[in-house]
């Protein structure tokens, strides 16, 4: 089992832009969960995205956090946060 410090975290600039459009309390909660991903990338209400390689989705209330796990680099790349709609997984 890898220790929490083994995983790196990168957050795409688009994620910060999306968080600015979300009510502050919810944005802070989402950002807190994003920062916890390196400690437990496979924990929580997650699901691997079908048809994608190493792309995961974490459900947080009405929002979804999408991220890639790059095993070779031990890196988590958060690339999208969006509100759940009928088109969002």
Foldseek 3Di string as FASTA:
>chain_A
DDALVQAAEAEDPVAVVQLVVDPVVVSVVVVVVSVCCSHPVPDAQKDADPPDDQWMWHDDPQKIWIWGQDPVSNYIYTYDMDGHDPPDD
